[in-house]
Amino acid sequence: MEKVLILLLVVLAVAHAAPERGIIINLENGELCLNSAQCKSGCCQHSSALSLARCEDKASENSECSPQTIYGVYYKCPCERGLTCEGDKSIVGSITNTNYGICLDL
């Protein structure tokens, strides 16, 4: 237990020492991520269930998108601020994260 605590403290110290370059949070586009909260852009995206997720830009107007989910990892990034992801909003699509739409300025 003590070794785990020391390892956690070391990881936090390294992450805090280099805030301009993300290690755990504040990640740039193209860097590996586990959740969208880690990315500067606010989107952690993967192309298939077996692929590694990477930080990507949010979807622009008229681009494919996914609605915001609690999972934090997307097949298609959610829309930029001010845009709405209009598309199929089925329960099955919400569970499987496949309810894609198009970003529109409404």
PDB file of N, CA and C in Angstrom:
ATOM      1  N   MET A   1       0.822  -1.189   0.000  1.00  0.00           N
ATOM      2  CA  MET A   1       0.000   0.000   0.000  1.00  0.00           C
ATOM      3  C   MET A   1       0.870   1.258   0.000  1.00  0.00           C
ATOM      4  N   GLU A   2       1.964   1.246   0.755  1.00  0.00           N
ATOM      5  CA  GLU A   2       2.851   2.404   0.811  1.00  0.00           C
ATOM      6  C   GLU A   2       3.491   2.677  -0.546  1.00  0.00           C
ATOM      7  N   LYS A   3       3.845   1.597  -1.283  1.00  0.00           N
ATOM      8  CA  LYS A   3       4.460   1.762  -2.599  1.00  0.00           C
ATOM      9  C   LYS A   3       3.480   2.414  -3.581  1.00  0.00           C
ATOM     10  N   VAL A   4       2.222   2.022  -3.496  1.00  0.00           N
ATOM     11  CA  VAL A   4       1.202   2.607  -4.369  1.00  0.00           C
ATOM     12  C   VAL A   4       1.026   4.086  -4.053  1.00  0.00           C
ATOM     13  N   LEU A   5       1.012   4.430  -2.783  1.00  0.00           N
ATOM     14  CA  LEU A   5       0.870   5.818  -2.371  1.00  0.00           C
ATOM     15  C   LEU A   5       2.063   6.658  -2.847  1.00  0.00           C
ATOM     16  N   ILE A   6       3.261   6.115  -2.728  1.00  0.00           N
ATOM     17  CA  ILE A   6       4.465   6.831  -3.190  1.00  0.00           C
ATOM     18  C   ILE A   6       4.417   7.020  -4.705  1.00  0.00           C
ATOM     19  N   LEU A   7       4.025   5.969  -5.434  1.00  0.00           N
ATOM     20  CA  LEU A   7       3.920   6.065  -6.888  1.00  0.00           C
ATOM     21  C   LEU A   7       2.899   7.124  -7.291  1.00  0.00           C
ATOM     22  N   LEU A   8       1.766   7.151  -6.619  1.00  0.00           N
ATOM     23  CA  LEU A   8       0.749   8.153  -6.899  1.00  0.00           C
ATOM     24  C   LEU A   8       1.266   9.567  -6.639  1.00  0.00           C
ATOM     25  N   LEU A   9       1.983   9.759  -5.560  1.00  0.00           N
ATOM     26  CA  LEU A   9       2.553  11.073  -5.245  1.00  0.00           C
ATOM     27  C   LEU A   9       3.582  11.505  -6.284  1.00  0.00           C
ATOM     28  N   VAL A  10       4.387  10.571  -6.759  1.00  0.00           N
ATOM     29  CA  VAL A  10       5.380  10.892  -7.790  1.00  0.00           C
ATOM     30  C   VAL A  10       4.688  11.300  -9.088  1.00  0.00           C
ATOM     31  N   VAL A  11       3.660  10.555  -9.484  1.00  0.00           N
ATOM     32  CA  VAL A  11       2.919  10.882 -10.712  1.00  0.00           C
ATOM     33  C   VAL A  11       2.279  12.263 -10.602  1.00  0.00           C
ATOM     34  N   LEU A  12       1.671  12.554  -9.468  1.00  0.00           N
ATOM     35  CA  LEU A  12       1.050  13.866  -9.268  1.00  0.00           C
ATOM     36  C   LEU A  12       2.091  14.982  -9.258  1.00  0.00           C
ATOM     37  N   ALA A  13       3.252  14.733  -8.668  1.00  0.00           N
ATOM     38  CA  ALA A  13       4.305  15.745  -8.640  1.00  0.00           C
ATOM     39  C   ALA A  13       4.814  16.044 -10.047  1.00  0.00           C
ATOM     40  N   VAL A  14       4.985  15.015 -10.857  1.00  0.00           N
ATOM     41  CA  VAL A  14       5.443  15.208 -12.238  1.00  0.00           C
ATOM     42  C   VAL A  14       4.391  15.963 -13.040  1.00  0.00           C
ATOM     43  N   ALA A  15       3.123  15.594 -12.881  1.00  0.00           N
ATOM     44  CA  ALA A  15       2.053  16.269 -13.605  1.00  0.00           C
ATOM     45  C   ALA A  15       1.951  17.728 -13.197  1.00  0.00           C
ATOM     46  N   HIS A  16       2.163  18.021 -11.934  1.00  0.00           N
ATOM     47  CA  HIS A  16       2.081  19.397 -11.447  1.00  0.00           C
ATOM     48  C   HIS A  16       3.307  20.220 -11.863  1.00  0.00           C
ATOM     49  N   ALA A  17       4.434  19.581 -12.017  1.00  0.00           N
ATOM     50  CA  ALA A  17       5.673  20.293 -12.351  1.00  0.00           C
ATOM     51  C   ALA A  17       5.704  20.752 -13.805  1.00  0.00           C
ATOM     52  N   ALA A  18       4.934  20.124 -14.662  1.00  0.00           N
ATOM     53  CA  ALA A  18       4.958  20.466 -16.089  1.00  0.00           C
ATOM     54  C   ALA A  18       3.566  20.824 -16.592  1.00  0.00           C
ATOM     55  N   PRO A  19       2.963  21.911 -16.107  1.00  0.00           N
ATOM     56  CA  PRO A  19       1.596  22.228 -16.505  1.00  0.00           C
ATOM     57  C   PRO A  19       1.452  22.650 -17.958  1.00  0.00           C
ATOM     58  N   GLU A  20       2.510  23.213 -18.569  1.00  0.00           N
ATOM     59  CA  GLU A  20       2.382  23.639 -19.961  1.00  0.00           C
ATOM     60  C   GLU A  20       2.367  22.453 -20.911  1.00  0.00           C
ATOM     61  N   ARG A  21       2.936  21.347 -20.524  1.00  0.00           N
ATOM     62  CA  ARG A  21       2.965  20.129 -21.335  1.00  0.00           C
ATOM     63  C   ARG A  21       2.196  19.062 -20.585  1.00  0.00           C
ATOM     64  N   GLY A  22       1.046  18.670 -21.100  1.00  0.00           N
ATOM     65  CA  GLY A  22       0.203  17.720 -20.401  1.00  0.00           C
ATOM     66  C   GLY A  22       0.817  16.338 -20.299  1.00  0.00           C
ATOM     67  N   ILE A  23       0.683  15.722 -19.171  1.00  0.00           N
ATOM     68  CA  ILE A  23       1.081  14.338 -18.976  1.00  0.00           C
ATOM     69  C   ILE A  23      -0.160  13.510 -18.670  1.00  0.00           C
ATOM     70  N   ILE A  24      -1.000  14.042 -17.806  1.00  0.00           N
ATOM     71  CA  ILE A  24      -2.243  13.371 -17.448  1.00  0.00           C
ATOM     72  C   ILE A  24      -3.439  14.202 -17.907  1.00  0.00           C
ATOM     73  N   ILE A  25      -3.335  15.506 -17.793  1.00  0.00           N
ATOM     74  CA  ILE A  25      -4.377  16.413 -18.255  1.00  0.00           C
ATOM     75  C   ILE A  25      -3.753  17.448 -19.175  1.00  0.00           C
ATOM     76  N   ASN A  26      -4.593  18.260 -19.802  1.00  0.00           N
ATOM     77  CA  ASN A  26      -4.110  19.319 -20.695  1.00  0.00           C
ATOM     78  C   ASN A  26      -3.378  18.744 -21.912  1.00  0.00           C
ATOM     79  N   LEU A  27      -3.869  17.604 -22.430  1.00  0.00           N
ATOM     80  CA  LEU A  27      -3.208  16.922 -23.536  1.00  0.00           C
ATOM     81  C   LEU A  27      -3.509  17.603 -24.870  1.00  0.00           C
ATOM     82  N   GLU A  28      -2.531  17.604 -25.745  1.00  0.00           N
ATOM     83  CA  GLU A  28      -2.661  18.176 -27.089  1.00  0.00           C
ATOM     84  C   GLU A  28      -3.336  17.170 -28.020  1.00  0.00           C
ATOM     85  N   ASN A  29      -3.831  17.638 -29.161  1.00  0.00           N
ATOM     86  CA  ASN A  29      -4.416  16.759 -30.171  1.00  0.00           C
ATOM     87  C   ASN A  29      -3.390  15.732 -30.629  1.00  0.00           C
ATOM     88  N   GLY A  30      -3.849  14.494 -30.772  1.00  0.00           N
ATOM     89  CA  GLY A  30      -2.986  13.404 -31.205  1.00  0.00           C
ATOM     90  C   GLY A  30      -2.406  12.591 -30.059  1.00  0.00           C
ATOM     91  N   GLU A  31      -2.463  13.113 -28.832  1.00  0.00           N
ATOM     92  CA  GLU A  31      -1.926  12.379 -27.694  1.00  0.00           C
ATOM     93  C   GLU A  31      -2.961  11.376 -27.186  1.00  0.00           C
ATOM     94  N   LEU A  32      -2.474  10.247 -26.658  1.00  0.00           N
ATOM     95  CA  LEU A  32      -3.348   9.207 -26.128  1.00  0.00           C
ATOM     96  C   LEU A  32      -4.106   9.710 -24.912  1.00  0.00           C
ATOM     97  N   CYS A  33      -5.363   9.300 -24.789  1.00  0.00           N
ATOM     98  CA  CYS A  33      -6.208   9.739 -23.670  1.00  0.00           C
ATOM     99  C   CYS A  33      -7.124   8.609 -23.239  1.00  0.00           C
ATOM    100  N   LEU A  34      -7.665   8.743 -22.038  1.00  0.00           N
ATOM    101  CA  LEU A  34      -8.644   7.795 -21.512  1.00  0.00           C
ATOM    102  C   LEU A  34     -10.018   8.423 -21.346  1.00  0.00           C
ATOM    103  N   ASN A  35     -10.056   9.770 -21.327  1.00  0.00           N
ATOM    104  CA  ASN A  35     -11.301  10.496 -21.108  1.00  0.00           C
ATOM    105  C   ASN A  35     -11.166  11.887 -21.699  1.00  0.00           C
ATOM    106  N   SER A  36     -12.258  12.461 -22.149  1.00  0.00           N
ATOM    107  CA  SER A  36     -12.237  13.787 -22.766  1.00  0.00           C
ATOM    108  C   SER A  36     -11.783  14.883 -21.817  1.00  0.00           C
ATOM    109  N   ALA A  37     -11.955  14.668 -20.520  1.00  0.00           N
ATOM    110  CA  ALA A  37     -11.538  15.671 -19.540  1.00  0.00           C
ATOM    111  C   ALA A  37     -10.021  15.876 -19.551  1.00  0.00           C
ATOM    112  N   GLN A  38      -9.269  14.936 -20.092  1.00  0.00           N
ATOM    113  CA  GLN A  38      -7.819  15.052 -20.166  1.00  0.00           C
ATOM    114  C   GLN A  38      -7.359  15.963 -21.303  1.00  0.00           C
ATOM    115  N   CYS A  39      -8.195  16.164 -22.309  1.00  0.00           N
ATOM    116  CA  CYS A  39      -7.794  16.859 -23.537  1.00  0.00           C
ATOM    117  C   CYS A  39      -8.085  18.352 -23.464  1.00  0.00           C
ATOM    118  N   LYS A  40      -7.151  19.154 -24.003  1.00  0.00           N
ATOM    119  CA  LYS A  40      -7.383  20.597 -24.121  1.00  0.00           C
ATOM    120  C   LYS A  40      -8.624  20.866 -24.960  1.00  0.00           C
ATOM    121  N   SER A  41      -8.810  20.078 -26.014  1.00  0.00           N
ATOM    122  CA  SER A  41      -9.938  20.271 -26.925  1.00  0.00           C
ATOM    123  C   SER A  41     -11.263  19.821 -26.315  1.00  0.00           C
ATOM    124  N   GLY A  42     -11.214  18.943 -25.331  1.00  0.00           N
ATOM    125  CA  GLY A  42     -12.438  18.441 -24.717  1.00  0.00           C
ATOM    126  C   GLY A  42     -13.023  17.240 -25.428  1.00  0.00           C
ATOM    127  N   CYS A  43     -12.222  16.576 -26.290  1.00  0.00           N
ATOM    128  CA  CYS A  43     -12.708  15.401 -26.999  1.00  0.00           C
ATOM    129  C   CYS A  43     -11.639  14.327 -27.072  1.00  0.00           C
ATOM    130  N   CYS A  44     -11.958  13.153 -26.548  1.00  0.00           N
ATOM    131  CA  CYS A  44     -11.116  11.963 -26.641  1.00  0.00           C
ATOM    132  C   CYS A  44     -11.846  11.003 -27.575  1.00  0.00           C
ATOM    133  N   GLN A  45     -11.241  10.708 -28.730  1.00  0.00           N
ATOM    134  CA  GLN A  45     -11.932   9.978 -29.796  1.00  0.00           C
ATOM    135  C   GLN A  45     -11.155   8.734 -30.200  1.00  0.00           C
ATOM    136  N   HIS A  46     -11.884   7.650 -30.515  1.00  0.00           N
ATOM    137  CA  HIS A  46     -11.263   6.453 -31.094  1.00  0.00           C
ATOM    138  C   HIS A  46     -12.093   6.002 -32.278  1.00  0.00           C
ATOM    139  N   SER A  47     -11.471   5.263 -33.196  1.00  0.00           N
ATOM    140  CA  SER A  47     -12.164   4.881 -34.421  1.00  0.00           C
ATOM    141  C   SER A  47     -12.892   3.547 -34.303  1.00  0.00           C
ATOM    142  N   SER A  48     -12.493   2.699 -33.364  1.00  0.00           N
ATOM    143  CA  SER A  48     -13.182   1.432 -33.123  1.00  0.00           C
ATOM    144  C   SER A  48     -13.046   1.070 -31.654  1.00  0.00           C
ATOM    145  N   ALA A  49     -13.795   0.078 -31.234  1.00  0.00           N
ATOM    146  CA  ALA A  49     -13.764  -0.322 -29.828  1.00  0.00           C
ATOM    147  C   ALA A  49     -12.391  -0.836 -29.412  1.00  0.00           C
ATOM    148  N   LEU A  50     -11.594  -1.308 -30.364  1.00  0.00           N
ATOM    149  CA  LEU A  50     -10.283  -1.864 -30.048  1.00  0.00           C
ATOM    150  C   LEU A  50      -9.129  -0.890 -30.298  1.00  0.00           C
ATOM    151  N   SER A  51      -9.416   0.281 -30.841  1.00  0.00           N
ATOM    152  CA  SER A  51      -8.342   1.234 -31.131  1.00  0.00           C
ATOM    153  C   SER A  51      -8.052   2.112 -29.919  1.00  0.00           C
ATOM    154  N   LEU A  52      -6.865   2.698 -29.912  1.00  0.00           N
ATOM    155  CA  LEU A  52      -6.479   3.618 -28.846  1.00  0.00           C
ATOM    156  C   LEU A  52      -7.125   4.972 -29.081  1.00  0.00           C
ATOM    157  N   ALA A  53      -7.593   5.598 -28.024  1.00  0.00           N
ATOM    158  CA  ALA A  53      -8.237   6.899 -28.135  1.00  0.00           C
ATOM    159  C   ALA A  53      -7.198   8.006 -28.099  1.00  0.00           C
ATOM    160  N   ARG A  54      -7.431   9.044 -28.872  1.00  0.00           N
ATOM    161  CA  ARG A  54      -6.529  10.198 -28.935  1.00  0.00           C
ATOM    162  C   ARG A  54      -7.345  11.483 -28.865  1.00  0.00           C
ATOM    163  N   CYS A  55      -6.727  12.527 -28.366  1.00  0.00           N
ATOM    164  CA  CYS A  55      -7.374  13.839 -28.312  1.00  0.00           C
ATOM    165  C   CYS A  55      -7.550  14.376 -29.729  1.00  0.00           C
ATOM    166  N   GLU A  56      -8.722  14.907 -30.012  1.00  0.00           N
ATOM    167  CA  GLU A  56      -9.036  15.494 -31.318  1.00  0.00           C
ATOM    168  C   GLU A  56      -9.845  16.760 -31.116  1.00  0.00           C
ATOM    169  N   ASP A  57      -9.895  17.608 -32.159  1.00  0.00           N
ATOM    170  CA  ASP A  57     -10.719  18.816 -32.112  1.00  0.00           C
ATOM    171  C   ASP A  57     -12.189  18.430 -32.079  1.00  0.00           C
ATOM    172  N   LYS A  58     -13.009  19.280 -31.465  1.00  0.00           N
ATOM    173  CA  LYS A  58     -14.451  19.070 -31.492  1.00  0.00           C
ATOM    174  C   LYS A  58     -14.947  19.296 -32.918  1.00  0.00           C
ATOM    175  N   ALA A  59     -16.096  18.711 -33.228  1.00  0.00           N
ATOM    176  CA  ALA A  59     -16.656  18.772 -34.579  1.00  0.00           C
ATOM    177  C   ALA A  59     -17.115  20.189 -34.917  1.00  0.00           C
ATOM    178  N   SER A  60     -16.813  20.618 -36.130  1.00  0.00           N
ATOM    179  CA  SER A  60     -17.225  21.940 -36.602  1.00  0.00           C
ATOM    180  C   SER A  60     -18.589  21.849 -37.280  1.00  0.00           C
ATOM    181  N   GLU A  61     -19.106  22.986 -37.706  1.00  0.00           N
ATOM    182  CA  GLU A  61     -20.425  23.037 -38.331  1.00  0.00           C
ATOM    183  C   GLU A  61     -20.467  22.136 -39.562  1.00  0.00           C
ATOM    184  N   ASN A  62     -21.568  21.406 -39.731  1.00  0.00           N
ATOM    185  CA  ASN A  62     -21.826  20.474 -40.828  1.00  0.00           C
ATOM    186  C   ASN A  62     -20.922  19.239 -40.804  1.00  0.00           C
ATOM    187  N   SER A  63     -20.265  18.956 -39.676  1.00  0.00           N
ATOM    188  CA  SER A  63     -19.447  17.754 -39.514  1.00  0.00           C
ATOM    189  C   SER A  63     -20.217  16.707 -38.731  1.00  0.00           C
ATOM    190  N   GLU A  64     -19.833  15.433 -38.895  1.00  0.00           N
ATOM    191  CA  GLU A  64     -20.451  14.367 -38.107  1.00  0.00           C
ATOM    192  C   GLU A  64     -20.089  14.543 -36.637  1.00  0.00           C
ATOM    193  N   CYS A  65     -21.028  14.183 -35.756  1.00  0.00           N
ATOM    194  CA  CYS A  65     -20.810  14.375 -34.328  1.00  0.00           C
ATOM    195  C   CYS A  65     -21.546  13.312 -33.530  1.00  0.00           C
ATOM    196  N   SER A  66     -21.170  13.222 -32.268  1.00  0.00           N
ATOM    197  CA  SER A  66     -21.906  12.421 -31.280  1.00  0.00           C
ATOM    198  C   SER A  66     -22.403  13.378 -30.224  1.00  0.00           C
ATOM    199  N   PRO A  67     -23.578  13.130 -29.668  1.00  0.00           N
ATOM    200  CA  PRO A  67     -24.019  13.956 -28.542  1.00  0.00           C
ATOM    201  C   PRO A  67     -23.104  13.715 -27.335  1.00  0.00           C
ATOM    202  N   GLN A  68     -23.060  14.670 -26.406  1.00  0.00           N
ATOM    203  CA  GLN A  68     -22.268  14.501 -25.187  1.00  0.00           C
ATOM    204  C   GLN A  68     -22.743  13.252 -24.446  1.00  0.00           C
ATOM    205  N   THR A  69     -21.808  12.466 -23.917  1.00  0.00           N
ATOM    206  CA  THR A  69     -22.155  11.273 -23.154  1.00  0.00           C
ATOM    207  C   THR A  69     -21.434  11.280 -21.811  1.00  0.00           C
ATOM    208  N   ILE A  70     -21.857  10.395 -20.941  1.00  0.00           N
ATOM    209  CA  ILE A  70     -21.190  10.273 -19.647  1.00  0.00           C
ATOM    210  C   ILE A  70     -19.907   9.464 -19.757  1.00  0.00           C
ATOM    211  N   TYR A  71     -19.716   8.748 -20.871  1.00  0.00           N
ATOM    212  CA  TYR A  71     -18.539   7.893 -21.033  1.00  0.00           C
ATOM    213  C   TYR A  71     -17.258   8.695 -21.179  1.00  0.00           C
ATOM    214  N   GLY A  72     -17.309   9.796 -21.920  1.00  0.00           N
ATOM    215  CA  GLY A  72     -16.138  10.643 -22.088  1.00  0.00           C
ATOM    216  C   GLY A  72     -15.203  10.241 -23.209  1.00  0.00           C
ATOM    217  N   VAL A  73     -15.529   9.172 -23.952  1.00  0.00           N
ATOM    218  CA  VAL A  73     -14.750   8.766 -25.118  1.00  0.00           C
ATOM    219  C   VAL A  73     -15.738   8.594 -26.270  1.00  0.00           C
ATOM    220  N   TYR A  74     -15.384   9.112 -27.430  1.00  0.00           N
ATOM    221  CA  TYR A  74     -16.322   9.189 -28.551  1.00  0.00           C
ATOM    222  C   TYR A  74     -15.778   8.513 -29.806  1.00  0.00           C
ATOM    223  N   TYR A  75     -16.708   8.056 -30.677  1.00  0.00           N
ATOM    224  CA  TYR A  75     -16.353   7.636 -32.026  1.00  0.00           C
ATOM    225  C   TYR A  75     -16.332   8.856 -32.941  1.00  0.00           C
ATOM    226  N   LYS A  76     -17.180   9.814 -32.672  1.00  0.00           N
ATOM    227  CA  LYS A  76     -17.219  11.115 -33.355  1.00  0.00           C
ATOM    228  C   LYS A  76     -17.256  12.169 -32.256  1.00  0.00           C
ATOM    229  N   CYS A  77     -16.430  13.194 -32.346  1.00  0.00           N
ATOM    230  CA  CYS A  77     -16.380  14.215 -31.302  1.00  0.00           C
ATOM    231  C   CYS A  77     -17.680  15.007 -31.250  1.00  0.00           C
ATOM    232  N   PRO A  78     -18.044  15.490 -30.069  1.00  0.00           N
ATOM    233  CA  PRO A  78     -19.217  16.362 -29.971  1.00  0.00           C
ATOM    234  C   PRO A  78     -18.933  17.712 -30.643  1.00  0.00           C
ATOM    235  N   CYS A  79     -19.962  18.494 -30.815  1.00  0.00           N
ATOM    236  CA  CYS A  79     -19.856  19.775 -31.522  1.00  0.00           C
ATOM    237  C   CYS A  79     -19.110  20.831 -30.711  1.00  0.00           C
ATOM    238  N   GLU A  80     -18.551  21.791 -31.461  1.00  0.00           N
ATOM    239  CA  GLU A  80     -17.947  22.970 -30.837  1.00  0.00           C
ATOM    240  C   GLU A  80     -19.032  23.747 -30.099  1.00  0.00           C
ATOM    241  N   ARG A  81     -18.625  24.619 -29.207  1.00  0.00           N
ATOM    242  CA  ARG A  81     -19.572  25.441 -28.445  1.00  0.00           C
ATOM    243  C   ARG A  81     -20.447  26.258 -29.395  1.00  0.00           C
ATOM    244  N   GLY A  82     -21.734  26.291 -29.091  1.00  0.00           N
ATOM    245  CA  GLY A  82     -22.684  27.052 -29.901  1.00  0.00           C
ATOM    246  C   GLY A  82     -23.365  26.231 -30.978  1.00  0.00           C
ATOM    247  N   LEU A  83     -22.875  25.016 -31.231  1.00  0.00           N
ATOM    248  CA  LEU A  83     -23.480  24.140 -32.234  1.00  0.00           C
ATOM    249  C   LEU A  83     -24.224  23.011 -31.536  1.00  0.00           C
ATOM    250  N   THR A  84     -25.217  22.441 -32.233  1.00  0.00           N
ATOM    251  CA  THR A  84     -26.018  21.355 -31.691  1.00  0.00           C
ATOM    252  C   THR A  84     -25.877  20.132 -32.584  1.00  0.00           C
ATOM    253  N   CYS A  85     -25.732  18.970 -31.985  1.00  0.00           N
ATOM    254  CA  CYS A  85     -25.629  17.713 -32.732  1.00  0.00           C
ATOM    255  C   CYS A  85     -27.033  17.193 -33.005  1.00  0.00           C
ATOM    256  N   GLU A  86     -27.510  17.399 -34.246  1.00  0.00           N
ATOM    257  CA  GLU A  86     -28.851  16.978 -34.643  1.00  0.00           C
ATOM    258  C   GLU A  86     -28.771  15.654 -35.376  1.00  0.00           C
ATOM    259  N   GLY A  87     -29.491  14.662 -34.864  1.00  0.00           N
ATOM    260  CA  GLY A  87     -29.489  13.354 -35.505  1.00  0.00           C
ATOM    261  C   GLY A  87     -30.321  12.377 -34.726  1.00  0.00           C
ATOM    262  N   ASP A  88     -30.143  11.096 -35.011  1.00  0.00           N
ATOM    263  CA  ASP A  88     -30.889  10.024 -34.347  1.00  0.00           C
ATOM    264  C   ASP A  88     -30.507   9.971 -32.875  1.00  0.00           C
ATOM    265  N   LYS A  89     -31.497  10.030 -32.004  1.00  0.00           N
ATOM    266  CA  LYS A  89     -31.247   9.986 -30.567  1.00  0.00           C
ATOM    267  C   LYS A  89     -31.975   8.797 -29.957  1.00  0.00           C
ATOM    268  N   SER A  90     -31.622   7.593 -30.421  1.00  0.00           N
ATOM    269  CA  SER A  90     -32.274   6.393 -29.914  1.00  0.00           C
ATOM    270  C   SER A  90     -31.604   5.911 -28.626  1.00  0.00           C
ATOM    271  N   ILE A  91     -32.321   5.116 -27.866  1.00  0.00           N
ATOM    272  CA  ILE A  91     -31.776   4.572 -26.611  1.00  0.00           C
ATOM    273  C   ILE A  91     -30.631   3.615 -26.922  1.00  0.00           C
ATOM    274  N   VAL A  92     -30.801   2.763 -27.918  1.00  0.00           N
ATOM    275  CA  VAL A  92     -29.750   1.814 -28.290  1.00  0.00           C
ATOM    276  C   VAL A  92     -28.511   2.574 -28.746  1.00  0.00           C
ATOM    277  N   GLY A  93     -28.698   3.606 -29.554  1.00  0.00           N
ATOM    278  CA  GLY A  93     -27.571   4.418 -30.008  1.00  0.00           C
ATOM    279  C   GLY A  93     -26.853   5.097 -28.859  1.00  0.00           C
ATOM    280  N   SER A  94     -27.581   5.518 -27.852  1.00  0.00           N
ATOM    281  CA  SER A  94     -26.981   6.151 -26.673  1.00  0.00           C
ATOM    282  C   SER A  94     -26.135   5.160 -25.892  1.00  0.00           C
ATOM    283  N   ILE A  95     -26.612   3.945 -25.764  1.00  0.00           N
ATOM    284  CA  ILE A  95     -25.876   2.920 -25.019  1.00  0.00           C
ATOM    285  C   ILE A  95     -24.627   2.490 -25.775  1.00  0.00           C
ATOM    286  N   THR A  96     -24.737   2.318 -27.084  1.00  0.00           N
ATOM    287  CA  THR A  96     -23.602   1.840 -27.883  1.00  0.00           C
ATOM    288  C   THR A  96     -22.740   2.977 -28.422  1.00  0.00           C
ATOM    289  N   ASN A  97     -23.125   4.222 -28.140  1.00  0.00           N
ATOM    290  CA  ASN A  97     -22.386   5.408 -28.585  1.00  0.00           C
ATOM    291  C   ASN A  97     -22.291   5.474 -30.105  1.00  0.00           C
ATOM    292  N   THR A  98     -23.384   5.123 -30.798  1.00  0.00           N
ATOM    293  CA  THR A  98     -23.403   5.158 -32.261  1.00  0.00           C
ATOM    294  C   THR A  98     -24.504   6.050 -32.812  1.00  0.00           C
ATOM    295  N   ASN A  99     -25.047   6.924 -31.993  1.00  0.00           N
ATOM    296  CA  ASN A  99     -26.116   7.809 -32.465  1.00  0.00           C
ATOM    297  C   ASN A  99     -25.501   9.108 -33.003  1.00  0.00           C
ATOM    298  N   TYR A 100     -24.954   9.014 -34.212  1.00  0.00           N
ATOM    299  CA  TYR A 100     -24.276  10.149 -34.824  1.00  0.00           C
ATOM    300  C   TYR A 100     -25.267  11.138 -35.405  1.00  0.00           C
ATOM    301  N   GLY A 101     -24.805  12.365 -35.558  1.00  0.00           N
ATOM    302  CA  GLY A 101     -25.617  13.401 -36.155  1.00  0.00           C
ATOM    303  C   GLY A 101     -24.719  14.359 -36.913  1.00  0.00           C
ATOM    304  N   ILE A 102     -25.241  15.546 -37.184  1.00  0.00           N
ATOM    305  CA  ILE A 102     -24.511  16.609 -37.883  1.00  0.00           C
ATOM    306  C   ILE A 102     -24.563  17.858 -37.002  1.00  0.00           C
ATOM    307  N   CYS A 103     -23.436  18.549 -36.873  1.00  0.00           N
ATOM    308  CA  CYS A 103     -23.388  19.787 -36.078  1.00  0.00           C
ATOM    309  C   CYS A 103     -24.072  20.910 -36.847  1.00  0.00           C
ATOM    310  N   LEU A 104     -25.072  21.506 -36.209  1.00  0.00           N
ATOM    311  CA  LEU A 104     -25.812  22.605 -36.823  1.00  0.00           C
ATOM    312  C   LEU A 104     -25.866  23.796 -35.878  1.00  0.00           C
ATOM    313  N   ASP A 105     -25.919  24.977 -36.468  1.00  0.00           N
ATOM    314  CA  ASP A 105     -26.063  26.214 -35.695  1.00  0.00           C
ATOM    315  C   ASP A 105     -27.542  26.581 -35.697  1.00  0.00           C
ATOM    316  N   LEU A 106     -28.225  26.241 -34.605  1.00  0.00           N
ATOM    317  CA  LEU A 106     -29.680  26.480 -34.551  1.00  0.00           C
ATOM    318  C   LEU A 106     -30.010  27.784 -33.910  1.00  0.00           C
TER     319      LEU A 106
END
